[in-house]
N, C-alpha and C. Protein backbone atom coordinates (compact mmCIF):
# COMPACT_ATOMS: atom_id res chain seq x y z
N UNK A 1 27.16 27.14 5.16
CA UNK A 1 25.76 26.86 5.04
C UNK A 1 25.06 27.35 6.30
N UNK A 2 24.00 28.14 6.17
CA UNK A 2 23.33 28.67 7.36
C UNK A 2 22.56 27.59 8.11
N UNK A 3 22.47 27.76 9.42
CA UNK A 3 21.72 26.86 10.29
C UNK A 3 20.69 27.68 11.04
N UNK A 4 19.45 27.20 11.09
CA UNK A 4 18.37 27.91 11.76
C UNK A 4 17.77 27.02 12.84
N UNK A 5 17.44 27.62 13.97
CA UNK A 5 16.69 26.89 14.99
C UNK A 5 15.23 26.76 14.57
N UNK A 6 14.68 27.82 14.02
CA UNK A 6 13.30 27.84 13.53
C UNK A 6 13.26 28.59 12.21
N UNK A 7 12.38 28.16 11.33
CA UNK A 7 12.20 28.85 10.06
C UNK A 7 10.72 28.81 9.70
N UNK A 8 10.13 29.96 9.43
CA UNK A 8 8.73 30.03 9.03
C UNK A 8 8.67 30.74 7.69
N UNK A 9 8.01 30.10 6.73
CA UNK A 9 7.84 30.69 5.41
C UNK A 9 6.34 30.91 5.23
N UNK A 10 5.94 32.18 5.07
CA UNK A 10 4.51 32.48 4.92
C UNK A 10 4.12 32.62 3.46
N UNK A 11 5.07 32.68 2.57
CA UNK A 11 4.79 32.77 1.14
C UNK A 11 5.31 31.53 0.43
N UNK A 12 6.11 31.73 -0.60
CA UNK A 12 6.70 30.64 -1.35
C UNK A 12 8.18 30.52 -1.03
N UNK A 13 8.71 29.31 -1.12
CA UNK A 13 10.15 29.08 -0.94
C UNK A 13 10.61 28.10 -2.00
N UNK A 14 11.70 28.41 -2.63
CA UNK A 14 12.30 27.51 -3.62
C UNK A 14 13.69 27.14 -3.12
N UNK A 15 13.95 25.84 -3.06
CA UNK A 15 15.25 25.35 -2.62
C UNK A 15 15.87 24.67 -3.83
N UNK A 16 16.98 25.21 -4.30
CA UNK A 16 17.62 24.72 -5.53
C UNK A 16 18.41 23.44 -5.31
N UNK A 17 18.87 23.18 -4.11
CA UNK A 17 19.70 22.00 -3.85
C UNK A 17 18.97 21.06 -2.90
N UNK A 18 19.54 20.76 -1.75
CA UNK A 18 18.99 19.78 -0.82
C UNK A 18 18.38 20.48 0.40
N UNK A 19 17.33 19.87 0.95
CA UNK A 19 16.77 20.30 2.21
C UNK A 19 16.71 19.07 3.10
N UNK A 20 17.31 19.17 4.28
CA UNK A 20 17.32 18.06 5.21
C UNK A 20 16.64 18.52 6.48
N UNK A 21 15.65 17.75 6.94
CA UNK A 21 14.94 18.04 8.18
C UNK A 21 15.20 16.89 9.13
N UNK A 22 15.87 17.17 10.24
CA UNK A 22 16.18 16.12 11.20
C UNK A 22 15.10 15.93 12.25
N UNK A 23 14.19 16.87 12.36
CA UNK A 23 13.10 16.76 13.32
C UNK A 23 11.77 16.55 12.60
N UNK A 24 10.81 17.41 12.88
CA UNK A 24 9.49 17.31 12.27
C UNK A 24 9.31 18.42 11.25
N UNK A 25 8.52 18.15 10.22
CA UNK A 25 8.17 19.16 9.23
C UNK A 25 6.67 19.06 8.97
N UNK A 26 5.98 20.18 9.00
CA UNK A 26 4.56 20.23 8.69
C UNK A 26 4.38 21.18 7.52
N UNK A 27 3.70 20.72 6.49
CA UNK A 27 3.45 21.53 5.31
C UNK A 27 1.94 21.70 5.21
N UNK A 28 1.49 22.95 5.26
CA UNK A 28 0.05 23.23 5.33
C UNK A 28 -0.69 22.99 4.04
N UNK A 29 -0.09 23.23 2.90
CA UNK A 29 -0.83 23.05 1.65
C UNK A 29 -0.09 22.11 0.71
N UNK A 30 0.74 22.62 -0.18
CA UNK A 30 1.35 21.78 -1.22
C UNK A 30 2.85 21.67 -1.03
N UNK A 31 3.38 20.50 -1.35
CA UNK A 31 4.82 20.31 -1.43
C UNK A 31 5.09 19.57 -2.73
N UNK A 32 5.93 20.13 -3.56
CA UNK A 32 6.27 19.50 -4.83
C UNK A 32 7.74 19.15 -4.81
N UNK A 33 8.06 17.90 -5.09
CA UNK A 33 9.44 17.44 -5.16
C UNK A 33 9.68 16.99 -6.59
N UNK A 34 10.58 17.65 -7.29
CA UNK A 34 10.86 17.29 -8.68
C UNK A 34 11.94 16.23 -8.80
N UNK A 35 12.67 15.98 -7.74
CA UNK A 35 13.72 14.96 -7.76
C UNK A 35 13.27 13.76 -6.95
N UNK A 36 14.10 13.36 -6.01
CA UNK A 36 13.81 12.23 -5.14
C UNK A 36 13.51 12.71 -3.73
N UNK A 37 12.70 11.94 -3.01
CA UNK A 37 12.41 12.24 -1.61
C UNK A 37 12.59 10.96 -0.83
N UNK A 38 13.31 11.04 0.28
CA UNK A 38 13.51 9.89 1.15
C UNK A 38 12.95 10.23 2.51
N UNK A 39 12.07 9.36 3.03
CA UNK A 39 11.50 9.53 4.36
C UNK A 39 11.96 8.33 5.18
N UNK A 40 12.72 8.58 6.25
CA UNK A 40 13.29 7.49 7.03
C UNK A 40 12.32 6.91 8.06
N UNK A 41 11.37 7.68 8.53
CA UNK A 41 10.44 7.20 9.54
C UNK A 41 9.01 7.21 9.02
N UNK A 42 8.20 8.13 9.48
CA UNK A 42 6.78 8.16 9.12
C UNK A 42 6.51 9.23 8.07
N UNK A 43 5.63 8.93 7.15
CA UNK A 43 5.19 9.87 6.13
C UNK A 43 3.68 9.87 6.16
N UNK A 44 3.08 10.97 6.57
CA UNK A 44 1.64 11.03 6.78
C UNK A 44 1.05 12.07 5.86
N UNK A 45 0.11 11.70 5.01
CA UNK A 45 -0.56 12.62 4.10
C UNK A 45 -2.02 12.69 4.51
N UNK A 46 -2.48 13.89 4.91
CA UNK A 46 -3.87 14.06 5.34
C UNK A 46 -4.81 14.28 4.16
N UNK A 47 -4.29 14.77 3.04
CA UNK A 47 -5.12 15.03 1.87
C UNK A 47 -4.82 14.03 0.77
N UNK A 48 -4.39 14.51 -0.37
CA UNK A 48 -4.08 13.66 -1.52
C UNK A 48 -2.59 13.67 -1.80
N UNK A 49 -2.10 12.58 -2.34
CA UNK A 49 -0.71 12.49 -2.76
C UNK A 49 -0.70 11.94 -4.18
N UNK A 50 0.02 12.61 -5.05
CA UNK A 50 0.16 12.17 -6.43
C UNK A 50 1.62 11.86 -6.68
N UNK A 51 1.88 10.68 -7.20
CA UNK A 51 3.25 10.27 -7.52
C UNK A 51 3.29 10.00 -9.01
N UNK A 52 4.09 10.78 -9.72
CA UNK A 52 4.18 10.62 -11.17
C UNK A 52 5.16 9.53 -11.55
N UNK A 53 6.13 9.25 -10.71
CA UNK A 53 7.13 8.22 -11.01
C UNK A 53 6.77 6.92 -10.31
N UNK A 54 7.53 6.56 -9.28
CA UNK A 54 7.27 5.32 -8.56
C UNK A 54 7.38 5.57 -7.07
N UNK A 55 6.76 4.71 -6.29
CA UNK A 55 6.83 4.74 -4.83
C UNK A 55 7.35 3.40 -4.38
N UNK A 56 8.44 3.40 -3.66
CA UNK A 56 9.01 2.17 -3.14
C UNK A 56 8.89 2.20 -1.64
N UNK A 57 8.30 1.16 -1.07
CA UNK A 57 8.15 1.04 0.36
C UNK A 57 8.92 -0.19 0.79
N UNK A 58 9.94 -0.02 1.63
CA UNK A 58 10.75 -1.15 2.06
C UNK A 58 10.17 -1.86 3.28
N UNK A 59 9.29 -1.20 4.00
CA UNK A 59 8.64 -1.81 5.16
C UNK A 59 7.18 -2.07 4.84
N UNK A 60 6.29 -1.50 5.64
CA UNK A 60 4.85 -1.64 5.44
C UNK A 60 4.27 -0.29 5.07
N UNK A 61 3.21 -0.30 4.31
CA UNK A 61 2.49 0.92 3.95
C UNK A 61 1.03 0.70 4.28
N UNK A 62 0.44 1.57 5.07
CA UNK A 62 -0.97 1.50 5.41
C UNK A 62 -1.69 2.64 4.72
N UNK A 63 -2.74 2.31 3.98
CA UNK A 63 -3.55 3.32 3.31
C UNK A 63 -4.96 3.18 3.87
N UNK A 64 -5.48 4.27 4.46
CA UNK A 64 -6.78 4.20 5.11
C UNK A 64 -7.94 4.43 4.14
N UNK A 65 -7.67 4.92 2.96
CA UNK A 65 -8.75 5.17 2.00
C UNK A 65 -8.49 4.40 0.71
N UNK A 66 -8.29 5.04 -0.41
CA UNK A 66 -8.16 4.37 -1.70
C UNK A 66 -6.81 4.59 -2.33
N UNK A 67 -6.38 3.62 -3.10
CA UNK A 67 -5.22 3.77 -3.97
C UNK A 67 -5.75 3.69 -5.39
N UNK A 68 -5.50 4.74 -6.18
CA UNK A 68 -5.88 4.72 -7.58
C UNK A 68 -4.62 4.55 -8.41
N UNK A 69 -4.60 3.56 -9.26
CA UNK A 69 -3.40 3.30 -10.05
C UNK A 69 -3.77 3.36 -11.52
N UNK A 70 -3.09 4.22 -12.25
CA UNK A 70 -3.31 4.30 -13.68
C UNK A 70 -2.59 3.20 -14.42
N UNK A 71 -1.69 2.50 -13.73
CA UNK A 71 -0.91 1.46 -14.37
C UNK A 71 -0.93 0.21 -13.49
N UNK A 72 0.16 -0.10 -12.83
CA UNK A 72 0.31 -1.34 -12.08
C UNK A 72 0.64 -1.05 -10.63
N UNK A 73 0.02 -1.78 -9.72
CA UNK A 73 0.42 -1.80 -8.32
C UNK A 73 1.12 -3.13 -8.13
N UNK A 74 2.37 -3.10 -7.71
CA UNK A 74 3.17 -4.32 -7.60
C UNK A 74 3.67 -4.47 -6.19
N UNK A 75 3.59 -5.68 -5.66
CA UNK A 75 4.10 -5.97 -4.32
C UNK A 75 4.98 -7.19 -4.40
N UNK A 76 6.13 -7.14 -3.76
CA UNK A 76 7.03 -8.29 -3.74
C UNK A 76 6.48 -9.40 -2.87
N UNK A 77 5.62 -9.06 -1.91
CA UNK A 77 5.11 -10.09 -1.00
C UNK A 77 3.59 -10.13 -1.01
N UNK A 78 2.92 -9.11 -0.47
CA UNK A 78 1.46 -9.13 -0.37
C UNK A 78 0.86 -7.74 -0.46
N UNK A 79 -0.37 -7.68 -0.92
CA UNK A 79 -1.23 -6.51 -0.80
C UNK A 79 -2.37 -6.96 0.09
N UNK A 80 -2.65 -6.23 1.16
CA UNK A 80 -3.63 -6.65 2.16
C UNK A 80 -4.83 -5.72 2.15
N UNK A 81 -6.03 -6.30 2.07
CA UNK A 81 -7.27 -5.56 2.25
C UNK A 81 -7.79 -5.89 3.64
N UNK A 82 -7.96 -4.88 4.50
CA UNK A 82 -8.28 -5.15 5.90
C UNK A 82 -9.76 -4.96 6.25
N UNK A 83 -10.56 -4.43 5.34
CA UNK A 83 -11.97 -4.21 5.65
C UNK A 83 -12.70 -5.55 5.76
N UNK A 84 -13.71 -5.61 6.61
CA UNK A 84 -14.50 -6.82 6.80
C UNK A 84 -15.55 -6.92 5.69
N UNK A 85 -15.50 -7.96 4.83
CA UNK A 85 -16.48 -8.07 3.76
C UNK A 85 -17.80 -8.61 4.26
N UNK A 86 -18.82 -8.46 3.44
CA UNK A 86 -20.13 -9.06 3.70
C UNK A 86 -20.48 -9.93 2.50
N UNK A 87 -21.34 -10.89 2.71
CA UNK A 87 -21.75 -11.78 1.62
C UNK A 87 -22.77 -11.04 0.76
N UNK A 88 -22.54 -10.98 -0.57
CA UNK A 88 -23.50 -10.30 -1.43
C UNK A 88 -24.84 -11.03 -1.47
N UNK A 89 -25.91 -10.29 -1.83
CA UNK A 89 -27.23 -10.91 -1.96
C UNK A 89 -27.25 -11.82 -3.18
N UNK A 90 -28.11 -12.81 -3.16
CA UNK A 90 -28.22 -13.74 -4.27
C UNK A 90 -27.45 -15.01 -3.99
N UNK A 91 -27.64 -15.98 -4.86
CA UNK A 91 -26.97 -17.27 -4.71
C UNK A 91 -25.67 -17.28 -5.50
N UNK A 92 -24.63 -17.88 -4.93
CA UNK A 92 -23.38 -17.96 -5.68
C UNK A 92 -23.47 -19.01 -6.78
N UNK A 93 -22.72 -18.82 -7.84
CA UNK A 93 -22.62 -19.84 -8.89
C UNK A 93 -21.46 -20.75 -8.55
N UNK A 94 -21.56 -22.00 -8.95
CA UNK A 94 -20.51 -22.96 -8.64
C UNK A 94 -19.31 -22.73 -9.55
N UNK A 95 -18.17 -22.55 -8.94
CA UNK A 95 -16.90 -22.40 -9.64
C UNK A 95 -15.89 -23.28 -8.92
N UNK A 96 -14.90 -23.74 -9.65
CA UNK A 96 -13.87 -24.54 -9.00
C UNK A 96 -12.79 -23.63 -8.44
N UNK A 97 -12.63 -23.68 -7.13
CA UNK A 97 -11.58 -22.95 -6.43
C UNK A 97 -10.93 -23.94 -5.47
N UNK A 98 -9.63 -24.04 -5.51
CA UNK A 98 -8.93 -24.94 -4.59
C UNK A 98 -8.78 -24.25 -3.24
N UNK A 99 -9.19 -24.95 -2.20
CA UNK A 99 -9.01 -24.45 -0.83
C UNK A 99 -7.99 -25.34 -0.15
N UNK A 100 -6.88 -24.74 0.25
CA UNK A 100 -5.85 -25.48 0.97
C UNK A 100 -6.06 -25.24 2.45
N UNK A 101 -6.29 -26.33 3.19
CA UNK A 101 -6.64 -26.23 4.61
C UNK A 101 -5.46 -25.78 5.45
N UNK A 102 -4.25 -26.04 5.01
CA UNK A 102 -3.08 -25.67 5.79
C UNK A 102 -2.91 -24.17 5.88
N UNK A 103 -2.15 -23.74 6.85
CA UNK A 103 -1.84 -22.33 7.03
C UNK A 103 -0.36 -22.14 6.71
N UNK A 104 -0.06 -21.26 5.76
CA UNK A 104 1.33 -20.98 5.41
C UNK A 104 1.50 -19.47 5.42
N UNK A 105 2.16 -18.95 6.43
CA UNK A 105 2.27 -17.49 6.60
C UNK A 105 3.06 -16.83 5.47
N UNK A 106 3.91 -17.57 4.79
CA UNK A 106 4.75 -16.96 3.75
C UNK A 106 4.17 -17.09 2.35
N UNK A 107 2.94 -17.60 2.20
CA UNK A 107 2.35 -17.76 0.88
C UNK A 107 2.11 -16.39 0.23
N UNK A 108 2.76 -16.09 -0.90
CA UNK A 108 2.51 -14.82 -1.57
C UNK A 108 1.14 -14.82 -2.25
N UNK A 109 0.57 -13.66 -2.38
CA UNK A 109 -0.73 -13.53 -3.04
C UNK A 109 -1.45 -12.30 -2.54
N UNK A 110 -2.72 -12.22 -2.89
CA UNK A 110 -3.57 -11.12 -2.47
C UNK A 110 -4.27 -11.51 -1.19
N UNK A 111 -4.06 -10.75 -0.12
CA UNK A 111 -4.65 -11.07 1.17
C UNK A 111 -6.00 -10.38 1.29
N UNK A 112 -7.01 -11.17 1.54
CA UNK A 112 -8.37 -10.67 1.71
C UNK A 112 -8.93 -11.20 3.02
N UNK A 113 -9.74 -10.38 3.68
CA UNK A 113 -10.37 -10.80 4.93
C UNK A 113 -11.67 -11.53 4.61
N UNK A 114 -11.86 -12.69 5.22
CA UNK A 114 -13.08 -13.47 5.02
C UNK A 114 -14.20 -12.97 5.89
N UNK A 115 -15.41 -13.42 5.59
CA UNK A 115 -16.56 -13.01 6.39
C UNK A 115 -16.48 -13.56 7.81
N UNK A 116 -15.60 -14.53 8.03
CA UNK A 116 -15.38 -15.06 9.37
C UNK A 116 -14.35 -14.25 10.16
N UNK A 117 -13.80 -13.19 9.53
CA UNK A 117 -12.81 -12.35 10.19
C UNK A 117 -11.38 -12.80 9.99
N UNK A 118 -11.17 -13.98 9.41
CA UNK A 118 -9.81 -14.48 9.16
C UNK A 118 -9.28 -13.93 7.85
N UNK A 119 -7.96 -13.87 7.73
CA UNK A 119 -7.31 -13.45 6.49
C UNK A 119 -7.05 -14.66 5.62
N UNK A 120 -7.29 -14.49 4.31
CA UNK A 120 -7.04 -15.54 3.33
C UNK A 120 -6.17 -14.99 2.22
N UNK A 121 -5.28 -15.84 1.68
CA UNK A 121 -4.44 -15.46 0.56
C UNK A 121 -5.06 -16.06 -0.70
N UNK A 122 -5.30 -15.21 -1.69
CA UNK A 122 -5.82 -15.63 -2.98
C UNK A 122 -4.64 -15.69 -3.94
N UNK A 123 -4.48 -16.83 -4.61
CA UNK A 123 -3.38 -16.99 -5.56
C UNK A 123 -3.81 -17.93 -6.68
N UNK A 124 -2.99 -18.05 -7.71
CA UNK A 124 -3.29 -18.92 -8.84
C UNK A 124 -2.48 -20.20 -8.69
N UNK A 125 -3.18 -21.33 -8.70
CA UNK A 125 -2.56 -22.64 -8.56
C UNK A 125 -2.50 -23.30 -9.93
N UNK A 126 -1.30 -23.61 -10.40
CA UNK A 126 -1.14 -24.31 -11.69
C UNK A 126 -0.52 -25.68 -11.49
N UNK A 127 -0.59 -26.22 -10.28
CA UNK A 127 0.03 -27.52 -9.99
C UNK A 127 -0.63 -28.65 -10.77
N UNK A 128 -1.91 -28.51 -11.13
CA UNK A 128 -2.60 -29.55 -11.90
C UNK A 128 -2.42 -29.36 -13.41
N UNK A 129 -1.73 -28.31 -13.80
CA UNK A 129 -1.56 -28.01 -15.22
C UNK A 129 -2.56 -27.00 -15.75
N UNK A 130 -3.67 -26.82 -15.04
CA UNK A 130 -4.69 -25.86 -15.41
C UNK A 130 -4.72 -24.74 -14.38
N UNK A 131 -4.60 -23.49 -14.80
CA UNK A 131 -4.66 -22.39 -13.82
C UNK A 131 -6.01 -22.36 -13.11
N UNK A 132 -5.96 -22.39 -11.78
CA UNK A 132 -7.15 -22.39 -10.95
C UNK A 132 -6.93 -21.44 -9.79
N UNK A 133 -7.97 -20.70 -9.44
CA UNK A 133 -7.87 -19.85 -8.25
C UNK A 133 -7.76 -20.73 -7.02
N UNK A 134 -6.96 -20.29 -6.06
CA UNK A 134 -6.77 -21.05 -4.83
C UNK A 134 -6.81 -20.10 -3.64
N UNK A 135 -7.25 -20.63 -2.51
CA UNK A 135 -7.31 -19.88 -1.26
C UNK A 135 -6.57 -20.65 -0.18
N UNK A 136 -5.93 -19.90 0.70
CA UNK A 136 -5.28 -20.48 1.85
C UNK A 136 -5.42 -19.52 3.01
N UNK A 137 -5.74 -20.02 4.16
CA UNK A 137 -5.86 -19.18 5.35
C UNK A 137 -4.47 -18.78 5.83
N UNK A 138 -4.32 -17.52 6.25
CA UNK A 138 -3.02 -17.08 6.77
C UNK A 138 -3.01 -17.05 8.27
């Protein structure tokens, strides 16, 4: 198997088997992977990324813009929204939402940032027998 210190491809390249990069790789335009791709450290996409199958993240994934999902976005622990919200104009309508004053860092749910800058976990509470939205500060 040939070994190269440097390789520059100015046109197209097709690799029928495996390609392993132990250092850095920069791809200027498109990269298409028809099989599996494993990234051990950082994976940075400056433009768009389309995944036709599934994406599994074993650590953390930070997305600075939008995630569009044609089906389901699933998280084993939490999905976090980090932007600071503002209170919409108009008066709120009264709805029953359970607010748990305690802080439980391991509470699964959807993490949203409050207007006070704190993070809150939104989850469904069925402890009373009736499904009710619930909030807990993280």
